[in-house]
């Protein structure tokens, strides 16, 4: 993202005191970072999943399929 990184976005979402829907939104991180510190920082902001973009063929398609399946089976309020 050009203006902020994913952790900064999470901080803004989770700190959105005037909008409870943003604070409690379901967030998956889609990233290129496999660094343990980035993973830990993201989960500290209550994300639903940390998805690493794969350079392997079909990597993004597999992620899209997983997210579609998630949406089909999870009940939302």
PDB file of N, CA and C in Angstrom:
ATOM      1  N   UNK A   1       0.852  -1.166   0.000  1.00  0.00           N
ATOM      2  CA  UNK A   1       0.000   0.000   0.000  1.00  0.00           C
ATOM      3  C   UNK A   1       0.902   1.234   0.000  1.00  0.00           C
ATOM      4  N   UNK A   2       0.558   2.203  -0.751  1.00  0.00           N
ATOM      5  CA  UNK A   2       1.469   3.343  -0.905  1.00  0.00           C
ATOM      6  C   UNK A   2       1.585   4.275   0.297  1.00  0.00           C
ATOM      7  N   UNK A   3       0.541   4.414   1.114  1.00  0.00           N
ATOM      8  CA  UNK A   3       0.578   5.425   2.179  1.00  0.00           C
ATOM      9  C   UNK A   3       0.828   4.861   3.564  1.00  0.00           C
ATOM     10  N   UNK A   4       0.582   3.578   3.757  1.00  0.00           N
ATOM     11  CA  UNK A   4       0.810   2.957   5.058  1.00  0.00           C
ATOM     12  C   UNK A   4       0.993   1.459   4.853  1.00  0.00           C
ATOM     13  N   UNK A   5       1.595   0.810   5.846  1.00  0.00           N
ATOM     14  CA  UNK A   5       1.742  -0.638   5.720  1.00  0.00           C
ATOM     15  C   UNK A   5       0.545  -1.317   6.385  1.00  0.00           C
ATOM     16  N   UNK A   6       0.482  -2.629   6.304  1.00  0.00           N
ATOM     17  CA  UNK A   6      -0.652  -3.375   6.829  1.00  0.00           C
ATOM     18  C   UNK A   6      -0.843  -3.224   8.322  1.00  0.00           C
ATOM     19  N   UNK A   7       0.244  -3.162   9.078  1.00  0.00           N
ATOM     20  CA  UNK A   7       0.137  -3.006  10.522  1.00  0.00           C
ATOM     21  C   UNK A   7      -0.449  -1.637  10.860  1.00  0.00           C
ATOM     22  N   UNK A   8      -0.040  -0.611  10.140  1.00  0.00           N
ATOM     23  CA  UNK A   8      -0.604   0.723  10.362  1.00  0.00           C
ATOM     24  C   UNK A   8      -2.110   0.728  10.061  1.00  0.00           C
ATOM     25  N   UNK A   9      -2.506   0.029   9.011  1.00  0.00           N
ATOM     26  CA  UNK A   9      -3.928  -0.076   8.686  1.00  0.00           C
ATOM     27  C   UNK A   9      -4.678  -0.779   9.821  1.00  0.00           C
ATOM     28  N   UNK A  10      -4.120  -1.864  10.331  1.00  0.00           N
ATOM     29  CA  UNK A  10      -4.753  -2.570  11.447  1.00  0.00           C
ATOM     30  C   UNK A  10      -4.894  -1.662  12.667  1.00  0.00           C
ATOM     31  N   UNK A  11      -3.862  -0.881  12.955  1.00  0.00           N
ATOM     32  CA  UNK A  11      -3.919   0.035  14.094  1.00  0.00           C
ATOM     33  C   UNK A  11      -5.053   1.040  13.924  1.00  0.00           C
ATOM     34  N   UNK A  12      -5.235   1.539  12.703  1.00  0.00           N
ATOM     35  CA  UNK A  12      -6.323   2.488  12.446  1.00  0.00           C
ATOM     36  C   UNK A  12      -7.683   1.803  12.569  1.00  0.00           C
ATOM     37  N   UNK A  13      -7.804   0.600  12.009  1.00  0.00           N
ATOM     38  CA  UNK A  13      -9.072  -0.121  12.095  1.00  0.00           C
ATOM     39  C   UNK A  13      -9.437  -0.431  13.536  1.00  0.00           C
ATOM     40  N   UNK A  14      -8.503  -0.973  14.274  1.00  0.00           N
ATOM     41  CA  UNK A  14      -8.781  -1.395  15.651  1.00  0.00           C
ATOM     42  C   UNK A  14      -8.911  -0.200  16.598  1.00  0.00           C
ATOM     43  N   UNK A  15      -8.410   0.948  16.196  1.00  0.00           N
ATOM     44  CA  UNK A  15      -8.524   2.149  17.016  1.00  0.00           C
ATOM     45  C   UNK A  15      -9.670   3.053  16.607  1.00  0.00           C
ATOM     46  N   UNK A  16     -10.519   2.598  15.699  1.00  0.00           N
ATOM     47  CA  UNK A  16     -11.628   3.412  15.190  1.00  0.00           C
ATOM     48  C   UNK A  16     -12.746   3.471  16.218  1.00  0.00           C
ATOM     49  N   UNK A  17     -12.567   4.293  17.237  1.00  0.00           N
ATOM     50  CA  UNK A  17     -13.534   4.380  18.334  1.00  0.00           C
ATOM     51  C   UNK A  17     -14.909   4.866  17.893  1.00  0.00           C
ATOM     52  N   UNK A  18     -14.961   5.626  16.826  1.00  0.00           N
ATOM     53  CA  UNK A  18     -16.237   6.150  16.356  1.00  0.00           C
ATOM     54  C   UNK A  18     -16.967   5.168  15.437  1.00  0.00           C
ATOM     55  N   UNK A  19     -16.348   4.029  15.135  1.00  0.00           N
ATOM     56  CA  UNK A  19     -16.981   3.061  14.238  1.00  0.00           C
ATOM     57  C   UNK A  19     -16.732   1.636  14.738  1.00  0.00           C
ATOM     58  N   UNK A  20     -17.649   1.092  15.541  1.00  0.00           N
ATOM     59  CA  UNK A  20     -17.457  -0.245  16.091  1.00  0.00           C
ATOM     60  C   UNK A  20     -17.368  -1.332  15.025  1.00  0.00           C
ATOM     61  N   UNK A  21     -17.979  -1.115  13.870  1.00  0.00           N
ATOM     62  CA  UNK A  21     -17.896  -2.121  12.791  1.00  0.00           C
ATOM     63  C   UNK A  21     -16.466  -2.252  12.279  1.00  0.00           C
ATOM     64  N   UNK A  22     -15.740  -1.137  12.212  1.00  0.00           N
ATOM     65  CA  UNK A  22     -14.342  -1.207  11.799  1.00  0.00           C
ATOM     66  C   UNK A  22     -13.492  -1.901  12.857  1.00  0.00           C
ATOM     67  N   UNK A  23     -13.747  -1.565  14.113  1.00  0.00           N
ATOM     68  CA  UNK A  23     -12.967  -2.160  15.207  1.00  0.00           C
ATOM     69  C   UNK A  23     -13.110  -3.670  15.239  1.00  0.00           C
ATOM     70  N   UNK A  24     -14.293  -4.173  14.924  1.00  0.00           N
ATOM     71  CA  UNK A  24     -14.541  -5.605  15.039  1.00  0.00           C
ATOM     72  C   UNK A  24     -14.547  -6.332  13.695  1.00  0.00           C
ATOM     73  N   UNK A  25     -14.153  -5.670  12.633  1.00  0.00           N
ATOM     74  CA  UNK A  25     -14.195  -6.288  11.304  1.00  0.00           C
ATOM     75  C   UNK A  25     -13.249  -7.483  11.205  1.00  0.00           C
ATOM     76  N   UNK A  26     -13.635  -8.427  10.367  1.00  0.00           N
ATOM     77  CA  UNK A  26     -12.809  -9.603  10.109  1.00  0.00           C
ATOM     78  C   UNK A  26     -11.743  -9.201   9.103  1.00  0.00           C
ATOM     79  N   UNK A  27     -10.489  -9.417   9.461  1.00  0.00           N
ATOM     80  CA  UNK A  27      -9.377  -8.998   8.607  1.00  0.00           C
ATOM     81  C   UNK A  27      -8.436 -10.167   8.370  1.00  0.00           C
ATOM     82  N   UNK A  28      -8.138 -10.411   7.119  1.00  0.00           N
ATOM     83  CA  UNK A  28      -7.081 -11.338   6.729  1.00  0.00           C
ATOM     84  C   UNK A  28      -5.935 -10.500   6.180  1.00  0.00           C
ATOM     85  N   UNK A  29      -4.732 -10.782   6.602  1.00  0.00           N
ATOM     86  CA  UNK A  29      -3.557 -10.088   6.076  1.00  0.00           C
ATOM     87  C   UNK A  29      -3.043 -10.874   4.876  1.00  0.00           C
ATOM     88  N   UNK A  30      -2.898 -10.226   3.750  1.00  0.00           N
ATOM     89  CA  UNK A  30      -2.299 -10.811   2.554  1.00  0.00           C
ATOM     90  C   UNK A  30      -0.967 -10.110   2.362  1.00  0.00           C
ATOM     91  N   UNK A  31       0.124 -10.848   2.477  1.00  0.00           N
ATOM     92  CA  UNK A  31       1.440 -10.231   2.556  1.00  0.00           C
ATOM     93  C   UNK A  31       2.488 -11.056   1.821  1.00  0.00           C
ATOM     94  N   UNK A  32       3.634 -10.460   1.631  1.00  0.00           N
ATOM     95  CA  UNK A  32       4.782 -11.189   1.094  1.00  0.00           C
ATOM     96  C   UNK A  32       5.759 -11.554   2.204  1.00  0.00           C
ATOM     97  N   UNK A  33       5.515 -11.054   3.411  1.00  0.00           N
ATOM     98  CA  UNK A  33       6.447 -11.255   4.518  1.00  0.00           C
ATOM     99  C   UNK A  33       6.209 -12.576   5.242  1.00  0.00           C
ATOM    100  N   UNK A  34       7.268 -13.345   5.382  1.00  0.00           N
ATOM    101  CA  UNK A  34       7.221 -14.562   6.180  1.00  0.00           C
ATOM    102  C   UNK A  34       7.936 -14.368   7.516  1.00  0.00           C
ATOM    103  N   UNK A  35       8.264 -13.125   7.844  1.00  0.00           N
ATOM    104  CA  UNK A  35       8.993 -12.821   9.075  1.00  0.00           C
ATOM    105  C   UNK A  35       8.109 -13.072  10.295  1.00  0.00           C
ATOM    106  N   UNK A  36       8.652 -13.782  11.275  1.00  0.00           N
ATOM    107  CA  UNK A  36       7.916 -14.110  12.489  1.00  0.00           C
ATOM    108  C   UNK A  36       7.430 -12.856  13.221  1.00  0.00           C
ATOM    109  N   UNK A  37       8.250 -11.803  13.228  1.00  0.00           N
ATOM    110  CA  UNK A  37       7.848 -10.566  13.923  1.00  0.00           C
ATOM    111  C   UNK A  37       6.635  -9.928  13.264  1.00  0.00           C
ATOM    112  N   UNK A  38       6.544  -9.997  11.945  1.00  0.00           N
ATOM    113  CA  UNK A  38       5.378  -9.441  11.248  1.00  0.00           C
ATOM    114  C   UNK A  38       4.127 -10.267  11.545  1.00  0.00           C
ATOM    115  N   UNK A  39       4.290 -11.574  11.567  1.00  0.00           N
ATOM    116  CA  UNK A  39       3.188 -12.475  11.888  1.00  0.00           C
ATOM    117  C   UNK A  39       2.659 -12.179  13.294  1.00  0.00           C
ATOM    118  N   UNK A  40       3.554 -12.073  14.261  1.00  0.00           N
ATOM    119  CA  UNK A  40       3.162 -11.803  15.639  1.00  0.00           C
ATOM    120  C   UNK A  40       2.493 -10.433  15.784  1.00  0.00           C
ATOM    121  N   UNK A  41       3.039  -9.434  15.120  1.00  0.00           N
ATOM    122  CA  UNK A  41       2.446  -8.083  15.189  1.00  0.00           C
ATOM    123  C   UNK A  41       1.039  -8.079  14.607  1.00  0.00           C
ATOM    124  N   UNK A  42       0.842  -8.786  13.508  1.00  0.00           N
ATOM    125  CA  UNK A  42      -0.480  -8.834  12.884  1.00  0.00           C
ATOM    126  C   UNK A  42      -1.489  -9.528  13.799  1.00  0.00           C
ATOM    127  N   UNK A  43      -1.121 -10.673  14.355  1.00  0.00           N
ATOM    128  CA  UNK A  43      -2.050 -11.382  15.230  1.00  0.00           C
ATOM    129  C   UNK A  43      -2.316 -10.629  16.518  1.00  0.00           C
ATOM    130  N   UNK A  44      -1.422  -9.762  16.928  1.00  0.00           N
ATOM    131  CA  UNK A  44      -1.657  -8.926  18.104  1.00  0.00           C
ATOM    132  C   UNK A  44      -2.820  -7.959  17.881  1.00  0.00           C
ATOM    133  N   UNK A  45      -3.202  -7.757  16.614  1.00  0.00           N
ATOM    134  CA  UNK A  45      -4.328  -6.881  16.268  1.00  0.00           C
ATOM    135  C   UNK A  45      -5.573  -7.688  15.902  1.00  0.00           C
ATOM    136  N   UNK A  46      -5.614  -8.935  16.368  1.00  0.00           N
ATOM    137  CA  UNK A  46      -6.809  -9.788  16.223  1.00  0.00           C
ATOM    138  C   UNK A  46      -7.232 -10.035  14.777  1.00  0.00           C
ATOM    139  N   UNK A  47      -6.276 -10.393  13.945  1.00  0.00           N
ATOM    140  CA  UNK A  47      -6.637 -10.733  12.571  1.00  0.00           C
ATOM    141  C   UNK A  47      -7.205 -12.151  12.535  1.00  0.00           C
ATOM    142  N   UNK A  48      -7.905 -12.478  11.466  1.00  0.00           N
ATOM    143  CA  UNK A  48      -8.476 -13.811  11.294  1.00  0.00           C
ATOM    144  C   UNK A  48      -7.485 -14.768  10.640  1.00  0.00           C
ATOM    145  N   UNK A  49      -6.521 -14.227   9.920  1.00  0.00           N
ATOM    146  CA  UNK A  49      -5.538 -15.074   9.267  1.00  0.00           C
ATOM    147  C   UNK A  49      -4.434 -14.268   8.619  1.00  0.00           C
ATOM    148  N   UNK A  50      -3.276 -14.879   8.530  1.00  0.00           N
ATOM    149  CA  UNK A  50      -2.080 -14.256   7.942  1.00  0.00           C
ATOM    150  C   UNK A  50      -1.719 -15.083   6.719  1.00  0.00           C
ATOM    151  N   UNK A  51      -1.977 -14.562   5.548  1.00  0.00           N
ATOM    152  CA  UNK A  51      -1.803 -15.299   4.298  1.00  0.00           C
ATOM    153  C   UNK A  51      -0.603 -14.761   3.537  1.00  0.00           C
ATOM    154  N   UNK A  52       0.366 -15.630   3.297  1.00  0.00           N
ATOM    155  CA  UNK A  52       1.575 -15.224   2.584  1.00  0.00           C
ATOM    156  C   UNK A  52       1.379 -15.511   1.102  1.00  0.00           C
ATOM    157  N   UNK A  53       1.547 -14.456   0.307  1.00  0.00           N
ATOM    158  CA  UNK A  53       1.463 -14.605  -1.151  1.00  0.00           C
ATOM    159  C   UNK A  53       2.560 -15.558  -1.599  1.00  0.00           C
ATOM    160  N   UNK A  54       2.201 -16.495  -2.403  1.00  0.00           N
ATOM    161  CA  UNK A  54       3.163 -17.483  -2.866  1.00  0.00           C
ATOM    162  C   UNK A  54       3.607 -17.158  -4.282  1.00  0.00           C
ATOM    163  N   UNK A  55       4.889 -17.345  -4.516  1.00  0.00           N
ATOM    164  CA  UNK A  55       5.413 -17.163  -5.870  1.00  0.00           C
ATOM    165  C   UNK A  55       5.090 -18.377  -6.736  1.00  0.00           C
ATOM    166  N   UNK A  56       4.618 -19.461  -6.092  1.00  0.00           N
ATOM    167  CA  UNK A  56       4.284 -20.666  -6.831  1.00  0.00           C
ATOM    168  C   UNK A  56       3.043 -20.441  -7.691  1.00  0.00           C
ATOM    169  N   UNK A  57       2.975 -21.155  -8.798  1.00  0.00           N
ATOM    170  CA  UNK A  57       1.828 -21.035  -9.677  1.00  0.00           C
ATOM    171  C   UNK A  57       0.559 -21.439  -8.927  1.00  0.00           C
ATOM    172  N   UNK A  58      -0.462 -20.624  -9.040  1.00  0.00           N
ATOM    173  CA  UNK A  58      -1.731 -20.923  -8.402  1.00  0.00           C
ATOM    174  C   UNK A  58      -1.825 -20.456  -6.961  1.00  0.00           C
ATOM    175  N   UNK A  59      -0.790 -19.802  -6.445  1.00  0.00           N
ATOM    176  CA  UNK A  59      -0.789 -19.366  -5.056  1.00  0.00           C
ATOM    177  C   UNK A  59      -1.936 -18.441  -4.722  1.00  0.00           C
ATOM    178  N   UNK A  60      -2.132 -17.399  -5.522  1.00  0.00           N
ATOM    179  CA  UNK A  60      -3.220 -16.458  -5.260  1.00  0.00           C
ATOM    180  C   UNK A  60      -4.583 -17.080  -5.531  1.00  0.00           C
ATOM    181  N   UNK A  61      -4.646 -17.971  -6.508  1.00  0.00           N
ATOM    182  CA  UNK A  61      -5.907 -18.669  -6.763  1.00  0.00           C
ATOM    183  C   UNK A  61      -6.293 -19.532  -5.570  1.00  0.00           C
ATOM    184  N   UNK A  62      -5.323 -20.187  -4.962  1.00  0.00           N
ATOM    185  CA  UNK A  62      -5.589 -21.024  -3.790  1.00  0.00           C
ATOM    186  C   UNK A  62      -6.080 -20.171  -2.629  1.00  0.00           C
ATOM    187  N   UNK A  63      -5.496 -18.995  -2.449  1.00  0.00           N
ATOM    188  CA  UNK A  63      -5.923 -18.086  -1.382  1.00  0.00           C
ATOM    189  C   UNK A  63      -7.350 -17.608  -1.652  1.00  0.00           C
ATOM    190  N   UNK A  64      -7.632 -17.237  -2.881  1.00  0.00           N
ATOM    191  CA  UNK A  64      -8.982 -16.780  -3.228  1.00  0.00           C
ATOM    192  C   UNK A  64     -10.002 -17.891  -2.992  1.00  0.00           C
ATOM    193  N   UNK A  65      -9.671 -19.121  -3.360  1.00  0.00           N
ATOM    194  CA  UNK A  65     -10.567 -20.258  -3.130  1.00  0.00           C
ATOM    195  C   UNK A  65     -10.812 -20.480  -1.644  1.00  0.00           C
ATOM    196  N   UNK A  66      -9.758 -20.368  -0.844  1.00  0.00           N
ATOM    197  CA  UNK A  66      -9.885 -20.552   0.596  1.00  0.00           C
ATOM    198  C   UNK A  66     -10.795 -19.479   1.199  1.00  0.00           C
ATOM    199  N   UNK A  67     -10.609 -18.215   0.783  1.00  0.00           N
ATOM    200  CA  UNK A  67     -11.441 -17.139   1.306  1.00  0.00           C
ATOM    201  C   UNK A  67     -12.899 -17.304   0.882  1.00  0.00           C
ATOM    202  N   UNK A  68     -13.138 -17.756  -0.329  1.00  0.00           N
ATOM    203  CA  UNK A  68     -14.508 -18.015  -0.787  1.00  0.00           C
ATOM    204  C   UNK A  68     -15.132 -19.122   0.062  1.00  0.00           C
ATOM    205  N   UNK A  69     -14.381 -20.187   0.310  1.00  0.00           N
ATOM    206  CA  UNK A  69     -14.886 -21.294   1.134  1.00  0.00           C
ATOM    207  C   UNK A  69     -15.172 -20.824   2.551  1.00  0.00           C
ATOM    208  N   UNK A  70     -14.293 -20.017   3.100  1.00  0.00           N
ATOM    209  CA  UNK A  70     -14.477 -19.459   4.439  1.00  0.00           C
ATOM    210  C   UNK A  70     -15.803 -18.711   4.504  1.00  0.00           C
ATOM    211  N   UNK A  71     -16.047 -17.878   3.539  1.00  0.00           N
ATOM    212  CA  UNK A  71     -17.268 -17.065   3.503  1.00  0.00           C
ATOM    213  C   UNK A  71     -18.523 -17.936   3.416  1.00  0.00           C
ATOM    214  N   UNK A  72     -18.400 -19.086   2.785  1.00  0.00           N
ATOM    215  CA  UNK A  72     -19.551 -19.969   2.628  1.00  0.00           C
ATOM    216  C   UNK A  72     -19.909 -20.726   3.898  1.00  0.00           C
ATOM    217  N   UNK A  73     -18.946 -20.994   4.757  1.00  0.00           N
ATOM    218  CA  UNK A  73     -19.199 -21.856   5.922  1.00  0.00           C
ATOM    219  C   UNK A  73     -19.260 -21.129   7.254  1.00  0.00           C
ATOM    220  N   UNK A  74     -18.797 -19.883   7.319  1.00  0.00           N
ATOM    221  CA  UNK A  74     -18.766 -19.152   8.584  1.00  0.00           C
ATOM    222  C   UNK A  74     -20.026 -18.299   8.714  1.00  0.00           C
ATOM    223  N   UNK A  75     -20.646 -18.369   9.895  1.00  0.00           N
ATOM    224  CA  UNK A  75     -21.826 -17.541  10.161  1.00  0.00           C
ATOM    225  C   UNK A  75     -21.366 -16.189  10.707  1.00  0.00           C
ATOM    226  N   UNK A  76     -21.887 -15.139  10.157  1.00  0.00           N
ATOM    227  CA  UNK A  76     -21.533 -13.778  10.560  1.00  0.00           C
ATOM    228  C   UNK A  76     -22.722 -13.122  11.262  1.00  0.00           C
ATOM    229  N   UNK A  77     -22.455 -12.235  12.219  1.00  0.00           N
ATOM    230  CA  UNK A  77     -23.559 -11.537  12.899  1.00  0.00           C
ATOM    231  C   UNK A  77     -24.222 -10.532  11.969  1.00  0.00           C
TER     232      UNK A  77
END
